[in-house]
Amino acid sequence: MKHRERPDQFKKKLMDRMERINGQTRGILKMIEEDRYCIDILVQIGAVKGALNQVALQLFEDHSQHCLADSMAGGGQKQEEAVEELLTALKRMI
């Protein structure tokens, strides 16, 4: 498994966002337990999906600016592998 150290400020921003998402998902669970109106639950699910997409986009951008840029500078096989890895990640996101 590959590893990349991220700046503390970026990591904190992602972790804070994920904590909010975690709270939202706990809220959805509670809504289901309380037999809340379906549309209200679906609205909250949409909010969680949107928030997760934002985290994914931030990581995608970070990867493109750092990891991909480093691999592209190396050229050759390393460059091809980096592009393939990026495309695979993009396919999983959409």
PDB file of N, CA and C in Angstrom:
ATOM      1  N   MET A   1       0.835  -1.175   0.000  1.00  0.00           N
ATOM      2  CA  MET A   1       0.000   0.000   0.000  1.00  0.00           C
ATOM      3  C   MET A   1       0.883   1.243   0.000  1.00  0.00           C
ATOM      4  N   LYS A   2       0.525   2.171  -0.845  1.00  0.00           N
ATOM      5  CA  LYS A   2       1.279   3.417  -0.943  1.00  0.00           C
ATOM      6  C   LYS A   2       0.931   4.324   0.230  1.00  0.00           C
ATOM      7  N   HIS A   3       1.825   5.240   0.517  1.00  0.00           N
ATOM      8  CA  HIS A   3       1.645   6.151   1.647  1.00  0.00           C
ATOM      9  C   HIS A   3       2.074   7.552   1.225  1.00  0.00           C
ATOM     10  N   ARG A   4       1.318   8.553   1.666  1.00  0.00           N
ATOM     11  CA  ARG A   4       1.678   9.945   1.393  1.00  0.00           C
ATOM     12  C   ARG A   4       1.329  10.791   2.603  1.00  0.00           C
ATOM     13  N   GLU A   5       2.312  11.492   3.101  1.00  0.00           N
ATOM     14  CA  GLU A   5       2.079  12.417   4.213  1.00  0.00           C
ATOM     15  C   GLU A   5       1.434  13.680   3.660  1.00  0.00           C
ATOM     16  N   ARG A   6       0.389  14.117   4.336  1.00  0.00           N
ATOM     17  CA  ARG A   6      -0.297  15.330   3.928  1.00  0.00           C
ATOM     18  C   ARG A   6      -0.011  16.428   4.947  1.00  0.00           C
ATOM     19  N   PRO A   7      -0.048  17.668   4.505  1.00  0.00           N
ATOM     20  CA  PRO A   7       0.126  18.773   5.454  1.00  0.00           C
ATOM     21  C   PRO A   7      -0.945  18.701   6.547  1.00  0.00           C
ATOM     22  N   ASP A   8      -0.572  19.062   7.761  1.00  0.00           N
ATOM     23  CA  ASP A   8      -1.488  18.972   8.902  1.00  0.00           C
ATOM     24  C   ASP A   8      -2.783  19.739   8.672  1.00  0.00           C
ATOM     25  N   GLN A   9      -2.683  20.917   8.093  1.00  0.00           N
ATOM     26  CA  GLN A   9      -3.878  21.738   7.874  1.00  0.00           C
ATOM     27  C   GLN A   9      -4.849  21.042   6.903  1.00  0.00           C
ATOM     28  N   PHE A  10      -4.326  20.451   5.830  1.00  0.00           N
ATOM     29  CA  PHE A  10      -5.161  19.749   4.860  1.00  0.00           C
ATOM     30  C   PHE A  10      -5.799  18.528   5.515  1.00  0.00           C
ATOM     31  N   LYS A  11      -4.992  17.773   6.262  1.00  0.00           N
ATOM     32  CA  LYS A  11      -5.483  16.575   6.937  1.00  0.00           C
ATOM     33  C   LYS A  11      -6.578  16.936   7.937  1.00  0.00           C
ATOM     34  N   LYS A  12      -6.378  18.016   8.702  1.00  0.00           N
ATOM     35  CA  LYS A  12      -7.377  18.435   9.683  1.00  0.00           C
ATOM     36  C   LYS A  12      -8.680  18.816   8.994  1.00  0.00           C
ATOM     37  N   LYS A  13      -8.577  19.506   7.870  1.00  0.00           N
ATOM     38  CA  LYS A  13      -9.763  19.909   7.123  1.00  0.00           C
ATOM     39  C   LYS A  13     -10.559  18.680   6.674  1.00  0.00           C
ATOM     40  N   LEU A  14      -9.854  17.681   6.155  1.00  0.00           N
ATOM     41  CA  LEU A  14     -10.525  16.453   5.721  1.00  0.00           C
ATOM     42  C   LEU A  14     -11.135  15.706   6.905  1.00  0.00           C
ATOM     43  N   MET A  15     -10.390  15.617   7.991  1.00  0.00           N
ATOM     44  CA  MET A  15     -10.878  14.900   9.163  1.00  0.00           C
ATOM     45  C   MET A  15     -12.096  15.593   9.777  1.00  0.00           C
ATOM     46  N   ASP A  16     -12.079  16.919   9.830  1.00  0.00           N
ATOM     47  CA  ASP A  16     -13.231  17.662  10.343  1.00  0.00           C
ATOM     48  C   ASP A  16     -14.461  17.405   9.485  1.00  0.00           C
ATOM     49  N   ARG A  17     -14.255  17.416   8.188  1.00  0.00           N
ATOM     50  CA  ARG A  17     -15.361  17.177   7.264  1.00  0.00           C
ATOM     51  C   ARG A  17     -15.927  15.769   7.447  1.00  0.00           C
ATOM     52  N   MET A  18     -15.028  14.804   7.620  1.00  0.00           N
ATOM     53  CA  MET A  18     -15.465  13.422   7.811  1.00  0.00           C
ATOM     54  C   MET A  18     -16.188  13.249   9.146  1.00  0.00           C
ATOM     55  N   GLU A  19     -15.792  13.989  10.167  1.00  0.00           N
ATOM     56  CA  GLU A  19     -16.501  13.937  11.453  1.00  0.00           C
ATOM     57  C   GLU A  19     -17.924  14.474  11.291  1.00  0.00           C
ATOM     58  N   ARG A  20     -18.081  15.553  10.516  1.00  0.00           N
ATOM     59  CA  ARG A  20     -19.426  16.082  10.264  1.00  0.00           C
ATOM     60  C   ARG A  20     -20.268  15.057   9.506  1.00  0.00           C
ATOM     61  N   ILE A  21     -19.663  14.402   8.528  1.00  0.00           N
ATOM     62  CA  ILE A  21     -20.374  13.376   7.757  1.00  0.00           C
ATOM     63  C   ILE A  21     -20.776  12.227   8.682  1.00  0.00           C
ATOM     64  N   ASN A  22     -19.874  11.849   9.563  1.00  0.00           N
ATOM     65  CA  ASN A  22     -20.172  10.794  10.526  1.00  0.00           C
ATOM     66  C   ASN A  22     -21.387  11.183  11.369  1.00  0.00           C
ATOM     67  N   GLY A  23     -21.438  12.424  11.803  1.00  0.00           N
ATOM     68  CA  GLY A  23     -22.595  12.912  12.562  1.00  0.00           C
ATOM     69  C   GLY A  23     -23.868  12.870  11.742  1.00  0.00           C
ATOM     70  N   GLN A  24     -23.754  13.238  10.474  1.00  0.00           N
ATOM     71  CA  GLN A  24     -24.928  13.193   9.596  1.00  0.00           C
ATOM     72  C   GLN A  24     -25.433  11.765   9.428  1.00  0.00           C
ATOM     73  N   THR A  25     -24.527  10.813   9.264  1.00  0.00           N
ATOM     74  CA  THR A  25     -24.966   9.425   9.084  1.00  0.00           C
ATOM     75  C   THR A  25     -25.603   8.887  10.364  1.00  0.00           C
ATOM     76  N   ARG A  26     -25.075   9.284  11.521  1.00  0.00           N
ATOM     77  CA  ARG A  26     -25.720   8.890  12.785  1.00  0.00           C
ATOM     78  C   ARG A  26     -27.121   9.501  12.861  1.00  0.00           C
ATOM     79  N   GLY A  27     -27.261  10.730  12.369  1.00  0.00           N
ATOM     80  CA  GLY A  27     -28.572  11.376  12.331  1.00  0.00           C
ATOM     81  C   GLY A  27     -29.543  10.631  11.430  1.00  0.00           C
ATOM     82  N   ILE A  28     -29.060  10.136  10.309  1.00  0.00           N
ATOM     83  CA  ILE A  28     -29.910   9.363   9.403  1.00  0.00           C
ATOM     84  C   ILE A  28     -30.371   8.078  10.083  1.00  0.00           C
ATOM     85  N   LEU A  29     -29.457   7.421  10.769  1.00  0.00           N
ATOM     86  CA  LEU A  29     -29.806   6.204  11.498  1.00  0.00           C
ATOM     87  C   LEU A  29     -30.914   6.487  12.513  1.00  0.00           C
ATOM     88  N   LYS A  30     -30.781   7.587  13.238  1.00  0.00           N
ATOM     89  CA  LYS A  30     -31.790   7.966  14.228  1.00  0.00           C
ATOM     90  C   LYS A  30     -33.130   8.259  13.548  1.00  0.00           C
ATOM     91  N   MET A  31     -33.071   8.928  12.393  1.00  0.00           N
ATOM     92  CA  MET A  31     -34.302   9.227  11.652  1.00  0.00           C
ATOM     93  C   MET A  31     -35.014   7.946  11.252  1.00  0.00           C
ATOM     94  N   ILE A  32     -34.259   6.953  10.826  1.00  0.00           N
ATOM     95  CA  ILE A  32     -34.851   5.668  10.438  1.00  0.00           C
ATOM     96  C   ILE A  32     -35.466   4.989  11.666  1.00  0.00           C
ATOM     97  N   GLU A  33     -34.718   5.002  12.779  1.00  0.00           N
ATOM     98  CA  GLU A  33     -35.226   4.398  14.017  1.00  0.00           C
ATOM     99  C   GLU A  33     -36.519   5.066  14.468  1.00  0.00           C
ATOM    100  N   GLU A  34     -36.634   6.362  14.240  1.00  0.00           N
ATOM    101  CA  GLU A  34     -37.808   7.131  14.678  1.00  0.00           C
ATOM    102  C   GLU A  34     -38.924   7.136  13.634  1.00  0.00           C
ATOM    103  N   ASP A  35     -38.758   6.361  12.564  1.00  0.00           N
ATOM    104  CA  ASP A  35     -39.763   6.280  11.491  1.00  0.00           C
ATOM    105  C   ASP A  35     -40.094   7.646  10.898  1.00  0.00           C
ATOM    106  N   ARG A  36     -39.065   8.452  10.689  1.00  0.00           N
ATOM    107  CA  ARG A  36     -39.261   9.775  10.092  1.00  0.00           C
ATOM    108  C   ARG A  36     -39.709   9.636   8.637  1.00  0.00           C
ATOM    109  N   TYR A  37     -40.229  10.697   8.112  1.00  0.00           N
ATOM    110  CA  TYR A  37     -40.756  10.758   6.750  1.00  0.00           C
ATOM    111  C   TYR A  37     -39.649  10.434   5.745  1.00  0.00           C
ATOM    112  N   CYS A  38     -39.973   9.573   4.781  1.00  0.00           N
ATOM    113  CA  CYS A  38     -38.985   9.084   3.810  1.00  0.00           C
ATOM    114  C   CYS A  38     -38.238  10.209   3.097  1.00  0.00           C
ATOM    115  N   ILE A  39     -38.957  11.213   2.673  1.00  0.00           N
ATOM    116  CA  ILE A  39     -38.331  12.307   1.924  1.00  0.00           C
ATOM    117  C   ILE A  39     -37.314  13.041   2.791  1.00  0.00           C
ATOM    118  N   ASP A  40     -37.624  13.223   4.065  1.00  0.00           N
ATOM    119  CA  ASP A  40     -36.674  13.877   4.968  1.00  0.00           C
ATOM    120  C   ASP A  40     -35.381  13.068   5.070  1.00  0.00           C
ATOM    121  N   ILE A  41     -35.520  11.750   5.140  1.00  0.00           N
ATOM    122  CA  ILE A  41     -34.337  10.882   5.208  1.00  0.00           C
ATOM    123  C   ILE A  41     -33.554  10.961   3.899  1.00  0.00           C
ATOM    124  N   LEU A  42     -34.263  10.926   2.787  1.00  0.00           N
ATOM    125  CA  LEU A  42     -33.594  11.003   1.478  1.00  0.00           C
ATOM    126  C   LEU A  42     -32.844  12.321   1.302  1.00  0.00           C
ATOM    127  N   VAL A  43     -33.404  13.399   1.809  1.00  0.00           N
ATOM    128  CA  VAL A  43     -32.721  14.694   1.737  1.00  0.00           C
ATOM    129  C   VAL A  43     -31.398  14.615   2.498  1.00  0.00           C
ATOM    130  N   GLN A  44     -31.415  14.002   3.673  1.00  0.00           N
ATOM    131  CA  GLN A  44     -30.190  13.881   4.457  1.00  0.00           C
ATOM    132  C   GLN A  44     -29.179  12.953   3.791  1.00  0.00           C
ATOM    133  N   ILE A  45     -29.662  11.887   3.162  1.00  0.00           N
ATOM    134  CA  ILE A  45     -28.760  11.001   2.419  1.00  0.00           C
ATOM    135  C   ILE A  45     -28.099  11.765   1.282  1.00  0.00           C
ATOM    136  N   GLY A  46     -28.871  12.603   0.596  1.00  0.00           N
ATOM    137  CA  GLY A  46     -28.307  13.426  -0.477  1.00  0.00           C
ATOM    138  C   GLY A  46     -27.236  14.376   0.046  1.00  0.00           C
ATOM    139  N   ALA A  47     -27.461  14.919   1.236  1.00  0.00           N
ATOM    140  CA  ALA A  47     -26.479  15.826   1.836  1.00  0.00           C
ATOM    141  C   ALA A  47     -25.187  15.073   2.152  1.00  0.00           C
ATOM    142  N   VAL A  48     -25.306  13.853   2.673  1.00  0.00           N
ATOM    143  CA  VAL A  48     -24.120  13.051   2.980  1.00  0.00           C
ATOM    144  C   VAL A  48     -23.367  12.710   1.700  1.00  0.00           C
ATOM    145  N   LYS A  49     -24.091  12.318   0.666  1.00  0.00           N
ATOM    146  CA  LYS A  49     -23.434  12.003  -0.606  1.00  0.00           C
ATOM    147  C   LYS A  49     -22.693  13.219  -1.150  1.00  0.00           C
ATOM    148  N   GLY A  50     -23.315  14.386  -1.066  1.00  0.00           N
ATOM    149  CA  GLY A  50     -22.658  15.605  -1.532  1.00  0.00           C
ATOM    150  C   GLY A  50     -21.407  15.918  -0.729  1.00  0.00           C
ATOM    151  N   ALA A  51     -21.485  15.736   0.584  1.00  0.00           N
ATOM    152  CA  ALA A  51     -20.332  15.996   1.439  1.00  0.00           C
ATOM    153  C   ALA A  51     -19.205  15.012   1.143  1.00  0.00           C
ATOM    154  N   LEU A  52     -19.534  13.745   0.942  1.00  0.00           N
ATOM    155  CA  LEU A  52     -18.511  12.755   0.586  1.00  0.00           C
ATOM    156  C   LEU A  52     -17.883  13.063  -0.763  1.00  0.00           C
ATOM    157  N   ASN A  53     -18.697  13.536  -1.692  1.00  0.00           N
ATOM    158  CA  ASN A  53     -18.155  13.917  -3.000  1.00  0.00           C
ATOM    159  C   ASN A  53     -17.148  15.054  -2.862  1.00  0.00           C
ATOM    160  N   GLN A  54     -17.417  15.992  -1.960  1.00  0.00           N
ATOM    161  CA  GLN A  54     -16.482  17.094  -1.750  1.00  0.00           C
ATOM    162  C   GLN A  54     -15.158  16.600  -1.169  1.00  0.00           C
ATOM    163  N   VAL A  55     -15.228  15.656  -0.238  1.00  0.00           N
ATOM    164  CA  VAL A  55     -13.998  15.073   0.310  1.00  0.00           C
ATOM    165  C   VAL A  55     -13.234  14.365  -0.805  1.00  0.00           C
ATOM    166  N   ALA A  56     -13.950  13.597  -1.610  1.00  0.00           N
ATOM    167  CA  ALA A  56     -13.310  12.877  -2.715  1.00  0.00           C
ATOM    168  C   ALA A  56     -12.651  13.850  -3.697  1.00  0.00           C
ATOM    169  N   LEU A  57     -13.330  14.929  -4.012  1.00  0.00           N
ATOM    170  CA  LEU A  57     -12.762  15.910  -4.941  1.00  0.00           C
ATOM    171  C   LEU A  57     -11.519  16.573  -4.370  1.00  0.00           C
ATOM    172  N   GLN A  58     -11.536  16.870  -3.079  1.00  0.00           N
ATOM    173  CA  GLN A  58     -10.353  17.469  -2.457  1.00  0.00           C
ATOM    174  C   GLN A  58      -9.166  16.510  -2.508  1.00  0.00           C
ATOM    175  N   LEU A  59      -9.423  15.226  -2.238  1.00  0.00           N
ATOM    176  CA  LEU A  59      -8.353  14.234  -2.308  1.00  0.00           C
ATOM    177  C   LEU A  59      -7.880  14.031  -3.746  1.00  0.00           C
ATOM    178  N   PHE A  60      -8.819  14.049  -4.675  1.00  0.00           N
ATOM    179  CA  PHE A  60      -8.489  13.904  -6.094  1.00  0.00           C
ATOM    180  C   PHE A  60      -7.594  15.059  -6.550  1.00  0.00           C
ATOM    181  N   GLU A  61      -7.948  16.258  -6.128  1.00  0.00           N
ATOM    182  CA  GLU A  61      -7.153  17.438  -6.476  1.00  0.00           C
ATOM    183  C   GLU A  61      -5.754  17.352  -5.855  1.00  0.00           C
ATOM    184  N   ASP A  62      -5.701  16.967  -4.590  1.00  0.00           N
ATOM    185  CA  ASP A  62      -4.422  16.828  -3.906  1.00  0.00           C
ATOM    186  C   ASP A  62      -3.553  15.783  -4.604  1.00  0.00           C
ATOM    187  N   HIS A  63      -4.167  14.669  -4.968  1.00  0.00           N
ATOM    188  CA  HIS A  63      -3.426  13.608  -5.653  1.00  0.00           C
ATOM    189  C   HIS A  63      -2.885  14.111  -6.994  1.00  0.00           C
ATOM    190  N   SER A  64      -3.734  14.816  -7.726  1.00  0.00           N
ATOM    191  CA  SER A  64      -3.319  15.315  -9.046  1.00  0.00           C
ATOM    192  C   SER A  64      -2.167  16.306  -8.934  1.00  0.00           C
ATOM    193  N   GLN A  65      -2.226  17.170  -7.939  1.00  0.00           N
ATOM    194  CA  GLN A  65      -1.207  18.211  -7.798  1.00  0.00           C
ATOM    195  C   GLN A  65       0.108  17.684  -7.246  1.00  0.00           C
ATOM    196  N   HIS A  66       0.070  16.605  -6.493  1.00  0.00           N
ATOM    197  CA  HIS A  66       1.298  16.131  -5.859  1.00  0.00           C
ATOM    198  C   HIS A  66       1.757  14.781  -6.394  1.00  0.00           C
ATOM    199  N   CYS A  67       0.993  13.749  -6.117  1.00  0.00           N
ATOM    200  CA  CYS A  67       1.399  12.392  -6.495  1.00  0.00           C
ATOM    201  C   CYS A  67       1.498  12.235  -8.013  1.00  0.00           C
ATOM    202  N   LEU A  68       0.478  12.677  -8.712  1.00  0.00           N
ATOM    203  CA  LEU A  68       0.476  12.538 -10.167  1.00  0.00           C
ATOM    204  C   LEU A  68       1.569  13.395 -10.791  1.00  0.00           C
ATOM    205  N   ALA A  69       1.710  14.607 -10.301  1.00  0.00           N
ATOM    206  CA  ALA A  69       2.740  15.497 -10.846  1.00  0.00           C
ATOM    207  C   ALA A  69       4.130  14.892 -10.686  1.00  0.00           C
ATOM    208  N   ASP A  70       4.398  14.288  -9.528  1.00  0.00           N
ATOM    209  CA  ASP A  70       5.692  13.647  -9.297  1.00  0.00           C
ATOM    210  C   ASP A  70       5.904  12.474 -10.255  1.00  0.00           C
ATOM    211  N   SER A  71       4.859  11.668 -10.442  1.00  0.00           N
ATOM    212  CA  SER A  71       4.965  10.513 -11.335  1.00  0.00           C
ATOM    213  C   SER A  71       5.142  10.934 -12.789  1.00  0.00           C
ATOM    214  N   MET A  72       4.456  11.992 -13.178  1.00  0.00           N
ATOM    215  CA  MET A  72       4.552  12.467 -14.562  1.00  0.00           C
ATOM    216  C   MET A  72       5.966  12.971 -14.854  1.00  0.00           C
ATOM    217  N   ALA A  73       6.588  13.550 -13.859  1.00  0.00           N
ATOM    218  CA  ALA A  73       7.946  14.050 -14.042  1.00  0.00           C
ATOM    219  C   ALA A  73       8.924  12.905 -14.271  1.00  0.00           C
ATOM    220  N   GLY A  74       8.598  11.731 -13.725  1.00  0.00           N
ATOM    221  CA  GLY A  74       9.457  10.557 -13.888  1.00  0.00           C
ATOM    222  C   GLY A  74       9.407   9.966 -15.283  1.00  0.00           C
ATOM    223  N   GLY A  75       8.285  10.164 -15.979  1.00  0.00           N
ATOM    224  CA  GLY A  75       8.137   9.659 -17.345  1.00  0.00           C
ATOM    225  C   GLY A  75       8.057   8.151 -17.414  1.00  0.00           C
ATOM    226  N   GLY A  76       7.995   7.635 -18.647  1.00  0.00           N
ATOM    227  CA  GLY A  76       8.030   6.205 -18.910  1.00  0.00           C
ATOM    228  C   GLY A  76       6.936   5.407 -18.238  1.00  0.00           C
ATOM    229  N   GLN A  77       7.291   4.218 -17.755  1.00  0.00           N
ATOM    230  CA  GLN A  77       6.348   3.290 -17.138  1.00  0.00           C
ATOM    231  C   GLN A  77       5.666   3.896 -15.919  1.00  0.00           C
ATOM    232  N   LYS A  78       6.421   4.634 -15.133  1.00  0.00           N
ATOM    233  CA  LYS A  78       5.872   5.272 -13.939  1.00  0.00           C
ATOM    234  C   LYS A  78       4.737   6.236 -14.313  1.00  0.00           C
ATOM    235  N   GLN A  79       4.919   6.959 -15.395  1.00  0.00           N
ATOM    236  CA  GLN A  79       3.921   7.905 -15.872  1.00  0.00           C
ATOM    237  C   GLN A  79       2.659   7.165 -16.317  1.00  0.00           C
ATOM    238  N   GLU A  80       2.829   6.094 -17.072  1.00  0.00           N
ATOM    239  CA  GLU A  80       1.681   5.312 -17.546  1.00  0.00           C
ATOM    240  C   GLU A  80       0.903   4.717 -16.379  1.00  0.00           C
ATOM    241  N   GLU A  81       1.607   4.196 -15.381  1.00  0.00           N
ATOM    242  CA  GLU A  81       0.957   3.623 -14.211  1.00  0.00           C
ATOM    243  C   GLU A  81       0.178   4.688 -13.438  1.00  0.00           C
ATOM    244  N   ALA A  82       0.738   5.878 -13.341  1.00  0.00           N
ATOM    245  CA  ALA A  82       0.085   6.965 -12.611  1.00  0.00           C
ATOM    246  C   ALA A  82      -1.206   7.386 -13.303  1.00  0.00           C
ATOM    247  N   VAL A  83      -1.182   7.449 -14.619  1.00  0.00           N
ATOM    248  CA  VAL A  83      -2.383   7.827 -15.369  1.00  0.00           C
ATOM    249  C   VAL A  83      -3.445   6.749 -15.208  1.00  0.00           C
ATOM    250  N   GLU A  84      -3.051   5.485 -15.290  1.00  0.00           N
ATOM    251  CA  GLU A  84      -3.999   4.384 -15.125  1.00  0.00           C
ATOM    252  C   GLU A  84      -4.616   4.388 -13.722  1.00  0.00           C
ATOM    253  N   GLU A  85      -3.780   4.637 -12.722  1.00  0.00           N
ATOM    254  CA  GLU A  85      -4.262   4.708 -11.348  1.00  0.00           C
ATOM    255  C   GLU A  85      -5.274   5.840 -11.182  1.00  0.00           C
ATOM    256  N   LEU A  86      -4.983   6.996 -11.781  1.00  0.00           N
ATOM    257  CA  LEU A  86      -5.892   8.143 -11.707  1.00  0.00           C
ATOM    258  C   LEU A  86      -7.211   7.839 -12.381  1.00  0.00           C
ATOM    259  N   LEU A  87      -7.172   7.214 -13.552  1.00  0.00           N
ATOM    260  CA  LEU A  87      -8.407   6.864 -14.270  1.00  0.00           C
ATOM    261  C   LEU A  87      -9.237   5.868 -13.483  1.00  0.00           C
ATOM    262  N   THR A  88      -8.588   4.902 -12.863  1.00  0.00           N
ATOM    263  CA  THR A  88      -9.311   3.919 -12.048  1.00  0.00           C
ATOM    264  C   THR A  88     -10.008   4.611 -10.881  1.00  0.00           C
ATOM    265  N   ALA A  89      -9.306   5.521 -10.224  1.00  0.00           N
ATOM    266  CA  ALA A  89      -9.889   6.259  -9.110  1.00  0.00           C
ATOM    267  C   ALA A  89     -11.085   7.106  -9.578  1.00  0.00           C
ATOM    268  N   LEU A  90     -10.934   7.740 -10.720  1.00  0.00           N
ATOM    269  CA  LEU A  90     -12.009   8.562 -11.261  1.00  0.00           C
ATOM    270  C   LEU A  90     -13.251   7.714 -11.571  1.00  0.00           C
ATOM    271  N   LYS A  91     -13.032   6.539 -12.135  1.00  0.00           N
ATOM    272  CA  LYS A  91     -14.149   5.641 -12.440  1.00  0.00           C
ATOM    273  C   LYS A  91     -14.881   5.225 -11.177  1.00  0.00           C
ATOM    274  N   ARG A  92     -14.153   5.034 -10.099  1.00  0.00           N
ATOM    275  CA  ARG A  92     -14.788   4.663  -8.825  1.00  0.00           C
ATOM    276  C   ARG A  92     -15.580   5.814  -8.238  1.00  0.00           C
ATOM    277  N   MET A  93     -15.128   7.024  -8.496  1.00  0.00           N
ATOM    278  CA  MET A  93     -15.798   8.213  -7.950  1.00  0.00           C
ATOM    279  C   MET A  93     -17.145   8.478  -8.618  1.00  0.00           C
ATOM    280  N   ILE A  94     -17.230   8.187  -9.920  1.00  0.00           N
ATOM    281  CA  ILE A  94     -18.469   8.534 -10.636  1.00  0.00           C
ATOM    282  C   ILE A  94     -19.369   7.345 -10.848  1.00  0.00           C
TER     283      ILE A  94
END
